[in-house]
Amino acid sequence: MALPEDSWDAGNLGCGELVLGLRFRIRAITPGGIFRLIAHDPAAPEDLPSWCRMTGHKLVSAIHPEYLIQRKEN
């Protein structure tokens, strides 16, 4: 697996703030690139897979609180 191009420790941000911050940060990496997210929000294990499905990104790994997300190709 490729190394993450970027990462973000979102701490305890809730879903709304978390996905908004993630949306802007993941745009900065190369399509197909990996983004590492640390999210301590207790809802993250449910919210992040749903967000990935809705946006077309791929959740590569989800071991709370660490998530690896592959940016969609286009």
PDB file of N, CA and C in Angstrom:
ATOM      1  N   MET A   1       0.835  -1.174   0.000  1.00  0.00           N
ATOM      2  CA  MET A   1       0.000   0.000   0.000  1.00  0.00           C
ATOM      3  C   MET A   1       0.885   1.246   0.000  1.00  0.00           C
ATOM      4  N   ALA A   2       0.438   2.239  -0.705  1.00  0.00           N
ATOM      5  CA  ALA A   2       1.183   3.498  -0.788  1.00  0.00           C
ATOM      6  C   ALA A   2       1.146   4.230   0.551  1.00  0.00           C
ATOM      7  N   LEU A   3       2.150   5.033   0.779  1.00  0.00           N
ATOM      8  CA  LEU A   3       2.189   5.852   1.984  1.00  0.00           C
ATOM      9  C   LEU A   3       1.214   7.019   1.845  1.00  0.00           C
ATOM     10  N   PRO A   4       0.634   7.469   2.955  1.00  0.00           N
ATOM     11  CA  PRO A   4      -0.263   8.626   2.888  1.00  0.00           C
ATOM     12  C   PRO A   4       0.473   9.867   2.386  1.00  0.00           C
ATOM     13  N   GLU A   5      -0.194  10.616   1.518  1.00  0.00           N
ATOM     14  CA  GLU A   5       0.365  11.877   1.020  1.00  0.00           C
ATOM     15  C   GLU A   5       0.217  12.985   2.050  1.00  0.00           C
ATOM     16  N   ASP A   6      -0.812  12.883   2.866  1.00  0.00           N
ATOM     17  CA  ASP A   6      -1.076  13.908   3.869  1.00  0.00           C
ATOM     18  C   ASP A   6      -1.856  13.266   5.005  1.00  0.00           C
ATOM     19  N   SER A   7      -1.904  13.957   6.129  1.00  0.00           N
ATOM     20  CA  SER A   7      -2.667  13.448   7.263  1.00  0.00           C
ATOM     21  C   SER A   7      -3.237  14.613   8.056  1.00  0.00           C
ATOM     22  N   TRP A   8      -4.218  14.294   8.895  1.00  0.00           N
ATOM     23  CA  TRP A   8      -4.876  15.301   9.718  1.00  0.00           C
ATOM     24  C   TRP A   8      -5.374  14.647  10.988  1.00  0.00           C
ATOM     25  N   ASP A   9      -5.041  15.230  12.108  1.00  0.00           N
ATOM     26  CA  ASP A   9      -5.579  14.790  13.387  1.00  0.00           C
ATOM     27  C   ASP A   9      -6.755  15.698  13.707  1.00  0.00           C
ATOM     28  N   ALA A  10      -7.963  15.178  13.511  1.00  0.00           N
ATOM     29  CA  ALA A  10      -9.180  15.959  13.720  1.00  0.00           C
ATOM     30  C   ALA A  10      -9.623  15.964  15.176  1.00  0.00           C
ATOM     31  N   GLY A  11      -8.886  15.284  16.027  1.00  0.00           N
ATOM     32  CA  GLY A  11      -9.213  15.279  17.449  1.00  0.00           C
ATOM     33  C   GLY A  11     -10.624  14.789  17.706  1.00  0.00           C
ATOM     34  N   ASN A  12     -11.379  15.567  18.474  1.00  0.00           N
ATOM     35  CA  ASN A  12     -12.751  15.193  18.839  1.00  0.00           C
ATOM     36  C   ASN A  12     -13.805  15.950  18.040  1.00  0.00           C
ATOM     37  N   LEU A  13     -13.438  16.488  16.880  1.00  0.00           N
ATOM     38  CA  LEU A  13     -14.430  17.207  16.068  1.00  0.00           C
ATOM     39  C   LEU A  13     -15.612  16.296  15.765  1.00  0.00           C
ATOM     40  N   GLY A  14     -16.808  16.864  15.805  1.00  0.00           N
ATOM     41  CA  GLY A  14     -18.013  16.116  15.471  1.00  0.00           C
ATOM     42  C   GLY A  14     -18.163  15.954  13.972  1.00  0.00           C
ATOM     43  N   CYS A  15     -19.157  15.205  13.586  1.00  0.00           N
ATOM     44  CA  CYS A  15     -19.344  14.812  12.185  1.00  0.00           C
ATOM     45  C   CYS A  15     -19.335  15.995  11.218  1.00  0.00           C
ATOM     46  N   GLY A  16     -20.123  17.023  11.487  1.00  0.00           N
ATOM     47  CA  GLY A  16     -20.212  18.148  10.553  1.00  0.00           C
ATOM     48  C   GLY A  16     -18.882  18.827  10.309  1.00  0.00           C
ATOM     49  N   GLU A  17     -18.216  19.193  11.387  1.00  0.00           N
ATOM     50  CA  GLU A  17     -16.911  19.850  11.266  1.00  0.00           C
ATOM     51  C   GLU A  17     -15.870  18.897  10.689  1.00  0.00           C
ATOM     52  N   LEU A  18     -15.975  17.644  11.072  1.00  0.00           N
ATOM     53  CA  LEU A  18     -15.021  16.636  10.602  1.00  0.00           C
ATOM     54  C   LEU A  18     -15.088  16.470   9.088  1.00  0.00           C
ATOM     55  N   VAL A  19     -16.281  16.260   8.545  1.00  0.00           N
ATOM     56  CA  VAL A  19     -16.369  16.021   7.101  1.00  0.00           C
ATOM     57  C   VAL A  19     -16.082  17.281   6.294  1.00  0.00           C
ATOM     58  N   LEU A  20     -16.410  18.456   6.831  1.00  0.00           N
ATOM     59  CA  LEU A  20     -16.057  19.689   6.115  1.00  0.00           C
ATOM     60  C   LEU A  20     -14.545  19.851   6.041  1.00  0.00           C
ATOM     61  N   GLY A  21     -13.872  19.647   7.150  1.00  0.00           N
ATOM     62  CA  GLY A  21     -12.413  19.740   7.156  1.00  0.00           C
ATOM     63  C   GLY A  21     -11.774  18.692   6.273  1.00  0.00           C
ATOM     64  N   LEU A  22     -12.313  17.487   6.322  1.00  0.00           N
ATOM     65  CA  LEU A  22     -11.784  16.397   5.501  1.00  0.00           C
ATOM     66  C   LEU A  22     -11.982  16.691   4.019  1.00  0.00           C
ATOM     67  N   ARG A  23     -13.132  17.218   3.681  1.00  0.00           N
ATOM     68  CA  ARG A  23     -13.428  17.540   2.276  1.00  0.00           C
ATOM     69  C   ARG A  23     -12.372  18.470   1.685  1.00  0.00           C
ATOM     70  N   PHE A  24     -12.016  19.517   2.395  1.00  0.00           N
ATOM     71  CA  PHE A  24     -11.027  20.469   1.887  1.00  0.00           C
ATOM     72  C   PHE A  24      -9.623  19.879   1.867  1.00  0.00           C
ATOM     73  N   ARG A  25      -9.294  19.102   2.873  1.00  0.00           N
ATOM     74  CA  ARG A  25      -7.943  18.540   2.945  1.00  0.00           C
ATOM     75  C   ARG A  25      -7.710  17.451   1.906  1.00  0.00           C
ATOM     76  N   ILE A  26      -8.714  16.627   1.650  1.00  0.00           N
ATOM     77  CA  ILE A  26      -8.518  15.524   0.706  1.00  0.00           C
ATOM     78  C   ILE A  26      -8.408  16.042  -0.731  1.00  0.00           C
ATOM     79  N   ARG A  27      -8.971  17.209  -0.994  1.00  0.00           N
ATOM     80  CA  ARG A  27      -8.844  17.814  -2.333  1.00  0.00           C
ATOM     81  C   ARG A  27      -7.398  18.168  -2.663  1.00  0.00           C
ATOM     82  N   ALA A  28      -6.582  18.360  -1.642  1.00  0.00           N
ATOM     83  CA  ALA A  28      -5.202  18.804  -1.845  1.00  0.00           C
ATOM     84  C   ALA A  28      -4.260  17.667  -2.238  1.00  0.00           C
ATOM     85  N   ILE A  29      -4.725  16.424  -2.150  1.00  0.00           N
ATOM     86  CA  ILE A  29      -3.840  15.319  -2.521  1.00  0.00           C
ATOM     87  C   ILE A  29      -4.146  14.846  -3.939  1.00  0.00           C
ATOM     88  N   THR A  30      -3.236  14.083  -4.487  1.00  0.00           N
ATOM     89  CA  THR A  30      -3.350  13.562  -5.844  1.00  0.00           C
ATOM     90  C   THR A  30      -4.528  12.593  -5.953  1.00  0.00           C
ATOM     91  N   PRO A  31      -5.316  12.646  -7.045  1.00  0.00           N
ATOM     92  CA  PRO A  31      -6.349  11.631  -7.231  1.00  0.00           C
ATOM     93  C   PRO A  31      -5.730  10.231  -7.141  1.00  0.00           C
ATOM     94  N   GLY A  32      -6.376   9.365  -6.382  1.00  0.00           N
ATOM     95  CA  GLY A  32      -5.848   8.024  -6.148  1.00  0.00           C
ATOM     96  C   GLY A  32      -4.908   7.956  -4.957  1.00  0.00           C
ATOM     97  N   GLY A  33      -4.534   9.118  -4.421  1.00  0.00           N
ATOM     98  CA  GLY A  33      -3.623   9.174  -3.278  1.00  0.00           C
ATOM     99  C   GLY A  33      -4.314   8.791  -1.977  1.00  0.00           C
ATOM    100  N   ILE A  34      -3.505   8.507  -0.969  1.00  0.00           N
ATOM    101  CA  ILE A  34      -4.000   8.076   0.337  1.00  0.00           C
ATOM    102  C   ILE A  34      -3.904   9.229   1.335  1.00  0.00           C
ATOM    103  N   PHE A  35      -4.965   9.383   2.108  1.00  0.00           N
ATOM    104  CA  PHE A  35      -5.032  10.396   3.159  1.00  0.00           C
ATOM    105  C   PHE A  35      -5.224   9.690   4.495  1.00  0.00           C
ATOM    106  N   ARG A  36      -4.424  10.064   5.487  1.00  0.00           N
ATOM    107  CA  ARG A  36      -4.528   9.466   6.827  1.00  0.00           C
ATOM    108  C   ARG A  36      -5.277  10.433   7.736  1.00  0.00           C
ATOM    109  N   LEU A  37      -6.337   9.937   8.348  1.00  0.00           N
ATOM    110  CA  LEU A  37      -7.163  10.738   9.245  1.00  0.00           C
ATOM    111  C   LEU A  37      -7.181  10.105  10.628  1.00  0.00           C
ATOM    112  N   ILE A  38      -6.979  10.934  11.638  1.00  0.00           N
ATOM    113  CA  ILE A  38      -7.166  10.516  13.025  1.00  0.00           C
ATOM    114  C   ILE A  38      -8.426  11.232  13.508  1.00  0.00           C
ATOM    115  N   ALA A  39      -9.437  10.465  13.911  1.00  0.00           N
ATOM    116  CA  ALA A  39     -10.710  11.037  14.352  1.00  0.00           C
ATOM    117  C   ALA A  39     -11.192  10.289  15.592  1.00  0.00           C
ATOM    118  N   HIS A  40     -11.262  10.994  16.709  1.00  0.00           N
ATOM    119  CA  HIS A  40     -11.671  10.383  17.973  1.00  0.00           C
ATOM    120  C   HIS A  40     -13.175  10.467  18.217  1.00  0.00           C
ATOM    121  N   ASP A  41     -13.907  11.112  17.340  1.00  0.00           N
ATOM    122  CA  ASP A  41     -15.356  11.211  17.480  1.00  0.00           C
ATOM    123  C   ASP A  41     -15.945   9.800  17.553  1.00  0.00           C
ATOM    124  N   PRO A  42     -16.765   9.493  18.565  1.00  0.00           N
ATOM    125  CA  PRO A  42     -17.332   8.146  18.679  1.00  0.00           C
ATOM    126  C   PRO A  42     -18.207   7.748  17.490  1.00  0.00           C
ATOM    127  N   ALA A  43     -18.722   8.713  16.740  1.00  0.00           N
ATOM    128  CA  ALA A  43     -19.563   8.405  15.581  1.00  0.00           C
ATOM    129  C   ALA A  43     -18.752   8.169  14.309  1.00  0.00           C
ATOM    130  N   ALA A  44     -17.460   8.433  14.342  1.00  0.00           N
ATOM    131  CA  ALA A  44     -16.621   8.302  13.144  1.00  0.00           C
ATOM    132  C   ALA A  44     -16.676   6.913  12.506  1.00  0.00           C
ATOM    133  N   PRO A  45     -16.696   5.814  13.273  1.00  0.00           N
ATOM    134  CA  PRO A  45     -16.751   4.495  12.629  1.00  0.00           C
ATOM    135  C   PRO A  45     -17.992   4.282  11.757  1.00  0.00           C
ATOM    136  N   GLU A  46     -19.060   5.007  12.032  1.00  0.00           N
ATOM    137  CA  GLU A  46     -20.260   4.915  11.193  1.00  0.00           C
ATOM    138  C   GLU A  46     -20.298   6.023  10.150  1.00  0.00           C
ATOM    139  N   ASP A  47     -19.886   7.217  10.538  1.00  0.00           N
ATOM    140  CA  ASP A  47     -19.992   8.376   9.644  1.00  0.00           C
ATOM    141  C   ASP A  47     -19.003   8.342   8.481  1.00  0.00           C
ATOM    142  N   LEU A  48     -17.771   7.942   8.733  1.00  0.00           N
ATOM    143  CA  LEU A  48     -16.755   7.990   7.671  1.00  0.00           C
ATOM    144  C   LEU A  48     -17.017   7.005   6.534  1.00  0.00           C
ATOM    145  N   PRO A  49     -17.417   5.753   6.804  1.00  0.00           N
ATOM    146  CA  PRO A  49     -17.757   4.878   5.673  1.00  0.00           C
ATOM    147  C   PRO A  49     -18.911   5.440   4.833  1.00  0.00           C
ATOM    148  N   SER A  50     -19.904   6.022   5.496  1.00  0.00           N
ATOM    149  CA  SER A  50     -21.031   6.621   4.765  1.00  0.00           C
ATOM    150  C   SER A  50     -20.565   7.793   3.916  1.00  0.00           C
ATOM    151  N   TRP A  51     -19.708   8.643   4.480  1.00  0.00           N
ATOM    152  CA  TRP A  51     -19.192   9.794   3.741  1.00  0.00           C
ATOM    153  C   TRP A  51     -18.408   9.331   2.518  1.00  0.00           C
ATOM    154  N   CYS A  52     -17.594   8.296   2.685  1.00  0.00           N
ATOM    155  CA  CYS A  52     -16.816   7.779   1.554  1.00  0.00           C
ATOM    156  C   CYS A  52     -17.737   7.259   0.452  1.00  0.00           C
ATOM    157  N   ARG A  53     -18.774   6.520   0.829  1.00  0.00           N
ATOM    158  CA  ARG A  53     -19.718   6.015  -0.184  1.00  0.00           C
ATOM    159  C   ARG A  53     -20.387   7.166  -0.921  1.00  0.00           C
ATOM    160  N   MET A  54     -20.786   8.203  -0.199  1.00  0.00           N
ATOM    161  CA  MET A  54     -21.490   9.333  -0.820  1.00  0.00           C
ATOM    162  C   MET A  54     -20.584  10.165  -1.715  1.00  0.00           C
ATOM    163  N   THR A  55     -19.304  10.241  -1.395  1.00  0.00           N
ATOM    164  CA  THR A  55     -18.392  11.100  -2.150  1.00  0.00           C
ATOM    165  C   THR A  55     -17.587  10.355  -3.209  1.00  0.00           C
ATOM    166  N   GLY A  56     -17.592   9.022  -3.159  1.00  0.00           N
ATOM    167  CA  GLY A  56     -16.842   8.240  -4.140  1.00  0.00           C
ATOM    168  C   GLY A  56     -15.421   7.915  -3.736  1.00  0.00           C
ATOM    169  N   HIS A  57     -15.004   8.352  -2.544  1.00  0.00           N
ATOM    170  CA  HIS A  57     -13.678   8.001  -2.044  1.00  0.00           C
ATOM    171  C   HIS A  57     -13.730   6.583  -1.480  1.00  0.00           C
ATOM    172  N   LYS A  58     -12.563   5.963  -1.315  1.00  0.00           N
ATOM    173  CA  LYS A  58     -12.508   4.584  -0.830  1.00  0.00           C
ATOM    174  C   LYS A  58     -11.903   4.543   0.570  1.00  0.00           C
ATOM    175  N   LEU A  59     -12.621   3.928   1.482  1.00  0.00           N
ATOM    176  CA  LEU A  59     -12.101   3.729   2.831  1.00  0.00           C
ATOM    177  C   LEU A  59     -11.214   2.493   2.794  1.00  0.00           C
ATOM    178  N   VAL A  60      -9.913   2.705   2.862  1.00  0.00           N
ATOM    179  CA  VAL A  60      -8.932   1.629   2.723  1.00  0.00           C
ATOM    180  C   VAL A  60      -8.762   0.881   4.035  1.00  0.00           C
ATOM    181  N   SER A  61      -8.760   1.619   5.137  1.00  0.00           N
ATOM    182  CA  SER A  61      -8.567   1.020   6.456  1.00  0.00           C
ATOM    183  C   SER A  61      -9.323   1.848   7.483  1.00  0.00           C
ATOM    184  N   ALA A  62      -9.965   1.152   8.418  1.00  0.00           N
ATOM    185  CA  ALA A  62     -10.716   1.840   9.468  1.00  0.00           C
ATOM    186  C   ALA A  62     -10.500   1.122  10.789  1.00  0.00           C
ATOM    187  N   ILE A  63      -9.458   1.526  11.493  1.00  0.00           N
ATOM    188  CA  ILE A  63      -9.193   0.998  12.828  1.00  0.00           C
ATOM    189  C   ILE A  63      -9.225   2.208  13.753  1.00  0.00           C
ATOM    190  N   HIS A  64     -10.406   2.453  14.310  1.00  0.00           N
ATOM    191  CA  HIS A  64     -10.643   3.659  15.115  1.00  0.00           C
ATOM    192  C   HIS A  64      -9.532   3.859  16.128  1.00  0.00           C
ATOM    193  N   PRO A  65      -8.926   5.018  16.173  1.00  0.00           N
ATOM    194  CA  PRO A  65      -9.285   6.304  15.577  1.00  0.00           C
ATOM    195  C   PRO A  65      -8.556   6.623  14.270  1.00  0.00           C
ATOM    196  N   GLU A  66      -7.867   5.640  13.662  1.00  0.00           N
ATOM    197  CA  GLU A  66      -7.097   5.914  12.446  1.00  0.00           C
ATOM    198  C   GLU A  66      -7.825   5.386  11.210  1.00  0.00           C
ATOM    199  N   TYR A  67      -7.923   6.240  10.204  1.00  0.00           N
ATOM    200  CA  TYR A  67      -8.612   5.905   8.959  1.00  0.00           C
ATOM    201  C   TYR A  67      -7.718   6.259   7.783  1.00  0.00           C
ATOM    202  N   LEU A  68      -7.647   5.367   6.809  1.00  0.00           N
ATOM    203  CA  LEU A  68      -6.934   5.645   5.566  1.00  0.00           C
ATOM    204  C   LEU A  68      -7.974   5.723   4.457  1.00  0.00           C
ATOM    205  N   ILE A  69      -7.957   6.829   3.742  1.00  0.00           N
ATOM    206  CA  ILE A  69      -8.946   7.087   2.698  1.00  0.00           C
ATOM    207  C   ILE A  69      -8.218   7.341   1.395  1.00  0.00           C
ATOM    208  N   GLN A  70      -8.643   6.632   0.351  1.00  0.00           N
ATOM    209  CA  GLN A  70      -8.067   6.840  -0.975  1.00  0.00           C
ATOM    210  C   GLN A  70      -8.956   7.816  -1.730  1.00  0.00           C
ATOM    211  N   ARG A  71      -8.344   8.894  -2.191  1.00  0.00           N
ATOM    212  CA  ARG A  71      -9.106   9.892  -2.947  1.00  0.00           C
ATOM    213  C   ARG A  71      -9.567   9.298  -4.271  1.00  0.00           C
ATOM    214  N   LYS A  72     -10.800   9.618  -4.646  1.00  0.00           N
ATOM    215  CA  LYS A  72     -11.318   9.114  -5.916  1.00  0.00           C
ATOM    216  C   LYS A  72     -10.472   9.636  -7.066  1.00  0.00           C
ATOM    217  N   GLU A  73     -10.497   8.909  -8.158  1.00  0.00           N
ATOM    218  CA  GLU A  73      -9.655   9.250  -9.310  1.00  0.00           C
ATOM    219  C   GLU A  73     -10.067  10.552  -9.976  1.00  0.00           C
ATOM    220  N   ASN A  74     -11.329  10.869  -9.978  1.00  0.00           N
ATOM    221  CA  ASN A  74     -11.768  12.081 -10.665  1.00  0.00           C
ATOM    222  C   ASN A  74     -12.919  12.726  -9.947  1.00  0.00           C
TER     223      ASN A  74
END
